[in-house]
Amino acid sequence: MKFLAMTLIPYAPDPVTGIKPSTTERLNSVVETAALIEELGFDAYGVGERHERPFLSSSPPVILSHIAAQTSTIRLFTTVTTLSLLDPVRAYEDYATLDHLSGGRLDLMIGKGNGTAQAELFHVTTEDQWERNRESYELFRRLWREDKVTWSGQFRPSLEEAETWPR
């Protein structure tokens, strides 16, 4: 059995004191929690991706990179990465960089996860979200496995013998 703690980084007043921390304080508390999770012997820590209130988790690769710099053994998870909202080339670059910086400790969970605000921000509809997710995952996986990728899809520009870094 493995133990994973995760967060979507809710941004709300403290349930005990009623005081709302600053954004910086809340994000720093996530990093401190991950370090504590590692100290307590957990196997992994995950940060989900949300693009609406009350969550501060719109950029998991940035947050997980900071956690990677403050920890040394725990696995780092995305819980989940919403590829239907992201350019798969940019997502590959961000997560490949994080995987290198963390010494190979990254695990990705891919999901749809689209809420109303996400649909408005990224113009992803309920009709096309699953197809976007499938197409983005297909390209992302090829970028991860292949040195050069030629690809054509419906939702992003085509690629011809494209190389992505880091490898």
C-alpha atoms as a PDB file:
ATOM      1  CA  MET A   1       0.000   0.000   0.000  1.00  0.00           C
ATOM      2  CA  LYS A   2       1.155   3.535  -0.813  1.00  0.00           C
ATOM      3  CA  PHE A   3       0.086   6.760   0.886  1.00  0.00           C
ATOM      4  CA  LEU A   4      -0.609   9.939  -1.047  1.00  0.00           C
ATOM      5  CA  ALA A   5      -1.755  13.326   0.246  1.00  0.00           C
ATOM      6  CA  MET A   6      -3.140  15.837  -2.242  1.00  0.00           C
ATOM      7  CA  THR A   7      -4.579  19.313  -2.464  1.00  0.00           C
ATOM      8  CA  LEU A   8      -6.445  21.588  -4.825  1.00  0.00           C
ATOM      9  CA  ILE A   9      -5.180  24.484  -2.652  1.00  0.00           C
ATOM     10  CA  PRO A  10      -8.467  25.924  -1.448  1.00  0.00           C
ATOM     11  CA  TYR A  11      -8.151  29.607  -0.621  1.00  0.00           C
ATOM     12  CA  ALA A  12     -10.487  30.385   2.243  1.00  0.00           C
ATOM     13  CA  PRO A  13     -10.397  31.680   5.798  1.00  0.00           C
ATOM     14  CA  ASP A  14      -8.847  29.376   8.383  1.00  0.00           C
ATOM     15  CA  PRO A  15     -11.698  27.249   9.814  1.00  0.00           C
ATOM     16  CA  VAL A  16     -10.473  27.846  13.388  1.00  0.00           C
ATOM     17  CA  THR A  17      -9.318  31.481  13.385  1.00  0.00           C
ATOM     18  CA  GLY A  18     -11.450  32.849  10.551  1.00  0.00           C
ATOM     19  CA  ILE A  19      -8.389  34.673   9.209  1.00  0.00           C
ATOM     20  CA  LYS A  20      -7.717  34.435   5.491  1.00  0.00           C
ATOM     21  CA  PRO A  21      -3.994  34.105   4.728  1.00  0.00           C
ATOM     22  CA  SER A  22      -2.362  36.017   1.902  1.00  0.00           C
ATOM     23  CA  THR A  23      -1.946  34.172  -1.377  1.00  0.00           C
ATOM     24  CA  THR A  24       1.786  33.913  -0.697  1.00  0.00           C
ATOM     25  CA  GLU A  25       1.185  32.486   2.782  1.00  0.00           C
ATOM     26  CA  ARG A  26      -1.296  29.935   1.433  1.00  0.00           C
ATOM     27  CA  LEU A  27       1.034  28.769  -1.338  1.00  0.00           C
ATOM     28  CA  ASN A  28       3.965  28.546   1.089  1.00  0.00           C
ATOM     29  CA  SER A  29       1.822  26.458   3.440  1.00  0.00           C
ATOM     30  CA  VAL A  30       1.326  23.932   0.627  1.00  0.00           C
ATOM     31  CA  VAL A  31       5.095  23.565   0.243  1.00  0.00           C
ATOM     32  CA  GLU A  32       5.505  23.257   4.029  1.00  0.00           C
ATOM     33  CA  THR A  33       2.776  20.607   4.113  1.00  0.00           C
ATOM     34  CA  ALA A  34       4.521  18.610   1.388  1.00  0.00           C
ATOM     35  CA  ALA A  35       7.776  18.707   3.371  1.00  0.00           C
ATOM     36  CA  LEU A  36       5.891  17.517   6.465  1.00  0.00           C
ATOM     37  CA  ILE A  37       4.216  14.756   4.447  1.00  0.00           C
ATOM     38  CA  GLU A  38       7.671  13.556   3.399  1.00  0.00           C
ATOM     39  CA  GLU A  39       8.936  13.728   7.002  1.00  0.00           C
ATOM     40  CA  LEU A  40       5.942  11.667   8.172  1.00  0.00           C
ATOM     41  CA  GLY A  41       6.798   8.915   5.690  1.00  0.00           C
ATOM     42  CA  PHE A  42       4.116   9.402   3.059  1.00  0.00           C
ATOM     43  CA  ASP A  43       4.971   8.114  -0.401  1.00  0.00           C
ATOM     44  CA  ALA A  44       3.666  11.013  -2.471  1.00  0.00           C
ATOM     45  CA  TYR A  45       2.133  14.468  -2.565  1.00  0.00           C
ATOM     46  CA  GLY A  46      -0.192  15.699  -5.281  1.00  0.00           C
ATOM     47  CA  VAL A  47      -1.423  19.052  -6.521  1.00  0.00           C
ATOM     48  CA  GLY A  48      -4.550  19.177  -8.651  1.00  0.00           C
ATOM     49  CA  GLU A  49      -5.306  21.678 -11.386  1.00  0.00           C
ATOM     50  CA  ARG A  50      -8.239  24.064 -11.038  1.00  0.00           C
ATOM     51  CA  HIS A  51      -8.879  27.375 -12.751  1.00  0.00           C
ATOM     52  CA  GLU A  52     -11.624  28.847 -10.596  1.00  0.00           C
ATOM     53  CA  ARG A  53     -12.333  30.173  -7.148  1.00  0.00           C
ATOM     54  CA  PRO A  54     -11.717  29.243  -4.397  1.00  0.00           C
ATOM     55  CA  PHE A  55      -8.642  27.329  -5.612  1.00  0.00           C
ATOM     56  CA  LEU A  56      -5.041  28.517  -6.121  1.00  0.00           C
ATOM     57  CA  SER A  57      -3.902  25.451  -8.057  1.00  0.00           C
ATOM     58  CA  SER A  58      -3.931  26.789 -11.613  1.00  0.00           C
ATOM     59  CA  SER A  59      -0.244  25.951 -12.151  1.00  0.00           C
ATOM     60  CA  PRO A  60       0.703  22.537 -10.713  1.00  0.00           C
ATOM     61  CA  PRO A  61       4.091  22.282 -12.494  1.00  0.00           C
ATOM     62  CA  VAL A  62       5.267  25.519 -10.866  1.00  0.00           C
ATOM     63  CA  ILE A  63       4.045  24.498  -7.411  1.00  0.00           C
ATOM     64  CA  LEU A  64       5.399  20.957  -7.729  1.00  0.00           C
ATOM     65  CA  SER A  65       8.771  22.314  -8.883  1.00  0.00           C
ATOM     66  CA  HIS A  66       9.020  24.343  -5.692  1.00  0.00           C
ATOM     67  CA  ILE A  67       8.017  21.286  -3.667  1.00  0.00           C
ATOM     68  CA  ALA A  68      10.659  19.244  -5.515  1.00  0.00           C
ATOM     69  CA  ALA A  69      13.289  21.761  -4.428  1.00  0.00           C
ATOM     70  CA  GLN A  70      12.220  21.403  -0.780  1.00  0.00           C
ATOM     71  CA  THR A  71      11.912  17.595  -0.678  1.00  0.00           C
ATOM     72  CA  SER A  72      14.019  14.645  -1.765  1.00  0.00           C
ATOM     73  CA  THR A  73      12.099  11.366  -1.604  1.00  0.00           C
ATOM     74  CA  ILE A  74       8.351  11.772  -2.039  1.00  0.00           C
ATOM     75  CA  ARG A  75       6.794  11.141  -5.435  1.00  0.00           C
ATOM     76  CA  LEU A  76       5.187  14.227  -6.956  1.00  0.00           C
ATOM     77  CA  PHE A  77       1.742  13.778  -8.515  1.00  0.00           C
ATOM     78  CA  THR A  78      -0.560  15.907 -10.560  1.00  0.00           C
ATOM     79  CA  THR A  79      -4.041  15.201  -9.257  1.00  0.00           C
ATOM     80  CA  VAL A  80      -5.072  15.832 -12.129  1.00  0.00           C
ATOM     81  CA  THR A  81      -3.540  17.532 -15.168  1.00  0.00           C
ATOM     82  CA  THR A  82      -6.342  18.802 -17.399  1.00  0.00           C
ATOM     83  CA  LEU A  83      -4.792  18.282 -20.816  1.00  0.00           C
ATOM     84  CA  SER A  84      -8.034  19.312 -22.515  1.00  0.00           C
ATOM     85  CA  LEU A  85      -7.223  22.881 -21.402  1.00  0.00           C
ATOM     86  CA  LEU A  86      -3.495  22.886 -22.140  1.00  0.00           C
ATOM     87  CA  ASP A  87      -1.311  22.965 -25.198  1.00  0.00           C
ATOM     88  CA  PRO A  88       0.248  19.487 -25.066  1.00  0.00           C
ATOM     89  CA  VAL A  89       3.624  20.738 -26.324  1.00  0.00           C
ATOM     90  CA  ARG A  90       3.882  23.310 -23.545  1.00  0.00           C
ATOM     91  CA  ALA A  91       2.579  20.809 -20.992  1.00  0.00           C
ATOM     92  CA  TYR A  92       5.238  18.318 -22.108  1.00  0.00           C
ATOM     93  CA  GLU A  93       7.995  20.933 -21.745  1.00  0.00           C
ATOM     94  CA  ASP A  94       6.821  21.985 -18.279  1.00  0.00           C
ATOM     95  CA  TYR A  95       6.403  18.465 -16.930  1.00  0.00           C
ATOM     96  CA  ALA A  96       9.596  17.109 -18.522  1.00  0.00           C
ATOM     97  CA  THR A  97      11.503  19.971 -16.879  1.00  0.00           C
ATOM     98  CA  LEU A  98       9.850  19.214 -13.533  1.00  0.00           C
ATOM     99  CA  ASP A  99      10.665  15.524 -13.884  1.00  0.00           C
ATOM    100  CA  HIS A 100      14.343  16.354 -14.447  1.00  0.00           C
ATOM    101  CA  LEU A 101      14.477  18.880 -11.589  1.00  0.00           C
ATOM    102  CA  SER A 102      12.876  16.372  -9.215  1.00  0.00           C
ATOM    103  CA  GLY A 103      15.231  13.537 -10.106  1.00  0.00           C
ATOM    104  CA  GLY A 104      12.505  11.545 -11.861  1.00  0.00           C
ATOM    105  CA  ARG A 105       9.938  11.767  -9.055  1.00  0.00           C
ATOM    106  CA  LEU A 106       7.011  12.986 -11.182  1.00  0.00           C
ATOM    107  CA  ASP A 107       3.848  10.965 -11.827  1.00  0.00           C
ATOM    108  CA  LEU A 108       1.099  12.410 -13.998  1.00  0.00           C
ATOM    109  CA  MET A 109      -2.609  11.814 -13.638  1.00  0.00           C
ATOM    110  CA  ILE A 110      -4.551  12.972 -16.661  1.00  0.00           C
ATOM    111  CA  GLY A 111      -8.167  14.001 -16.331  1.00  0.00           C
ATOM    112  CA  LYS A 112     -10.892  16.155 -17.799  1.00  0.00           C
ATOM    113  CA  GLY A 113     -11.689  18.225 -14.708  1.00  0.00           C
ATOM    114  CA  ASN A 114     -13.428  21.051 -16.558  1.00  0.00           C
ATOM    115  CA  GLY A 115     -15.706  23.323 -14.555  1.00  0.00           C
ATOM    116  CA  THR A 116     -17.819  26.252 -15.725  1.00  0.00           C
ATOM    117  CA  ALA A 117     -15.067  28.828 -15.184  1.00  0.00           C
ATOM    118  CA  GLN A 118     -12.570  26.656 -17.027  1.00  0.00           C
ATOM    119  CA  ALA A 119     -14.899  26.436 -20.012  1.00  0.00           C
ATOM    120  CA  GLU A 120     -15.177  30.232 -20.089  1.00  0.00           C
ATOM    121  CA  LEU A 121     -11.428  30.839 -19.668  1.00  0.00           C
ATOM    122  CA  PHE A 122     -10.273  28.280 -22.227  1.00  0.00           C
ATOM    123  CA  HIS A 123     -13.303  28.053 -24.572  1.00  0.00           C
ATOM    124  CA  VAL A 124     -13.599  24.314 -24.046  1.00  0.00           C
ATOM    125  CA  THR A 125     -17.174  23.123 -24.354  1.00  0.00           C
ATOM    126  CA  THR A 126     -18.888  20.137 -22.808  1.00  0.00           C
ATOM    127  CA  GLU A 127     -19.300  18.852 -26.362  1.00  0.00           C
ATOM    128  CA  ASP A 128     -15.581  18.863 -27.195  1.00  0.00           C
ATOM    129  CA  GLN A 129     -13.854  18.395 -23.823  1.00  0.00           C
ATOM    130  CA  TRP A 130     -13.473  14.621 -24.103  1.00  0.00           C
ATOM    131  CA  GLU A 131     -12.166  14.793 -27.672  1.00  0.00           C
ATOM    132  CA  ARG A 132      -9.740  17.575 -26.678  1.00  0.00           C
ATOM    133  CA  ASN A 133      -8.542  15.461 -23.760  1.00  0.00           C
ATOM    134  CA  ARG A 134      -8.042  12.406 -25.985  1.00  0.00           C
ATOM    135  CA  GLU A 135      -6.218  14.359 -28.680  1.00  0.00           C
ATOM    136  CA  SER A 136      -4.004  16.219 -26.202  1.00  0.00           C
ATOM    137  CA  TYR A 137      -3.128  13.010 -24.380  1.00  0.00           C
ATOM    138  CA  GLU A 138      -2.255  11.281 -27.663  1.00  0.00           C
ATOM    139  CA  LEU A 139       0.158  14.070 -28.633  1.00  0.00           C
ATOM    140  CA  PHE A 140       1.552  14.464 -25.099  1.00  0.00           C
ATOM    141  CA  ARG A 141       2.333  10.750 -24.892  1.00  0.00           C
ATOM    142  CA  ARG A 142       4.070  10.776 -28.271  1.00  0.00           C
ATOM    143  CA  LEU A 143       6.143  13.810 -27.269  1.00  0.00           C
ATOM    144  CA  TRP A 144       7.210  11.968 -24.106  1.00  0.00           C
ATOM    145  CA  ARG A 145       8.211   8.810 -25.982  1.00  0.00           C
ATOM    146  CA  GLU A 146       9.500   9.986 -29.373  1.00  0.00           C
ATOM    147  CA  ASP A 147      12.454  12.236 -30.215  1.00  0.00           C
ATOM    148  CA  LYS A 148      10.734  13.725 -33.285  1.00  0.00           C
ATOM    149  CA  VAL A 149       6.990  13.948 -33.800  1.00  0.00           C
ATOM    150  CA  THR A 150       4.925  14.604 -36.905  1.00  0.00           C
ATOM    151  CA  TRP A 151       1.332  15.149 -35.909  1.00  0.00           C
ATOM    152  CA  SER A 152      -1.941  16.680 -37.041  1.00  0.00           C
ATOM    153  CA  GLY A 153      -5.100  17.161 -35.024  1.00  0.00           C
ATOM    154  CA  GLN A 154      -8.241  19.217 -34.711  1.00  0.00           C
ATOM    155  CA  PHE A 155      -7.455  21.508 -31.770  1.00  0.00           C
ATOM    156  CA  ARG A 156      -3.847  22.723 -32.204  1.00  0.00           C
ATOM    157  CA  PRO A 157      -1.464  23.477 -35.074  1.00  0.00           C
ATOM    158  CA  SER A 158       0.226  20.535 -36.784  1.00  0.00           C
ATOM    159  CA  LEU A 159       3.804  19.450 -36.090  1.00  0.00           C
ATOM    160  CA  GLU A 160       6.395  18.299 -38.629  1.00  0.00           C
ATOM    161  CA  GLU A 161       9.396  16.406 -37.220  1.00  0.00           C
ATOM    162  CA  ALA A 162       9.098  18.536 -34.075  1.00  0.00           C
ATOM    163  CA  GLU A 163      11.683  18.086 -31.332  1.00  0.00           C
ATOM    164  CA  THR A 164      10.835  18.959 -27.751  1.00  0.00           C
ATOM    165  CA  TRP A 165      13.191  19.543 -24.862  1.00  0.00           C
ATOM    166  CA  PRO A 166      14.221  18.577 -22.301  1.00  0.00           C
ATOM    167  CA  ARG A 167      14.476  14.878 -23.098  1.00  0.00           C
END
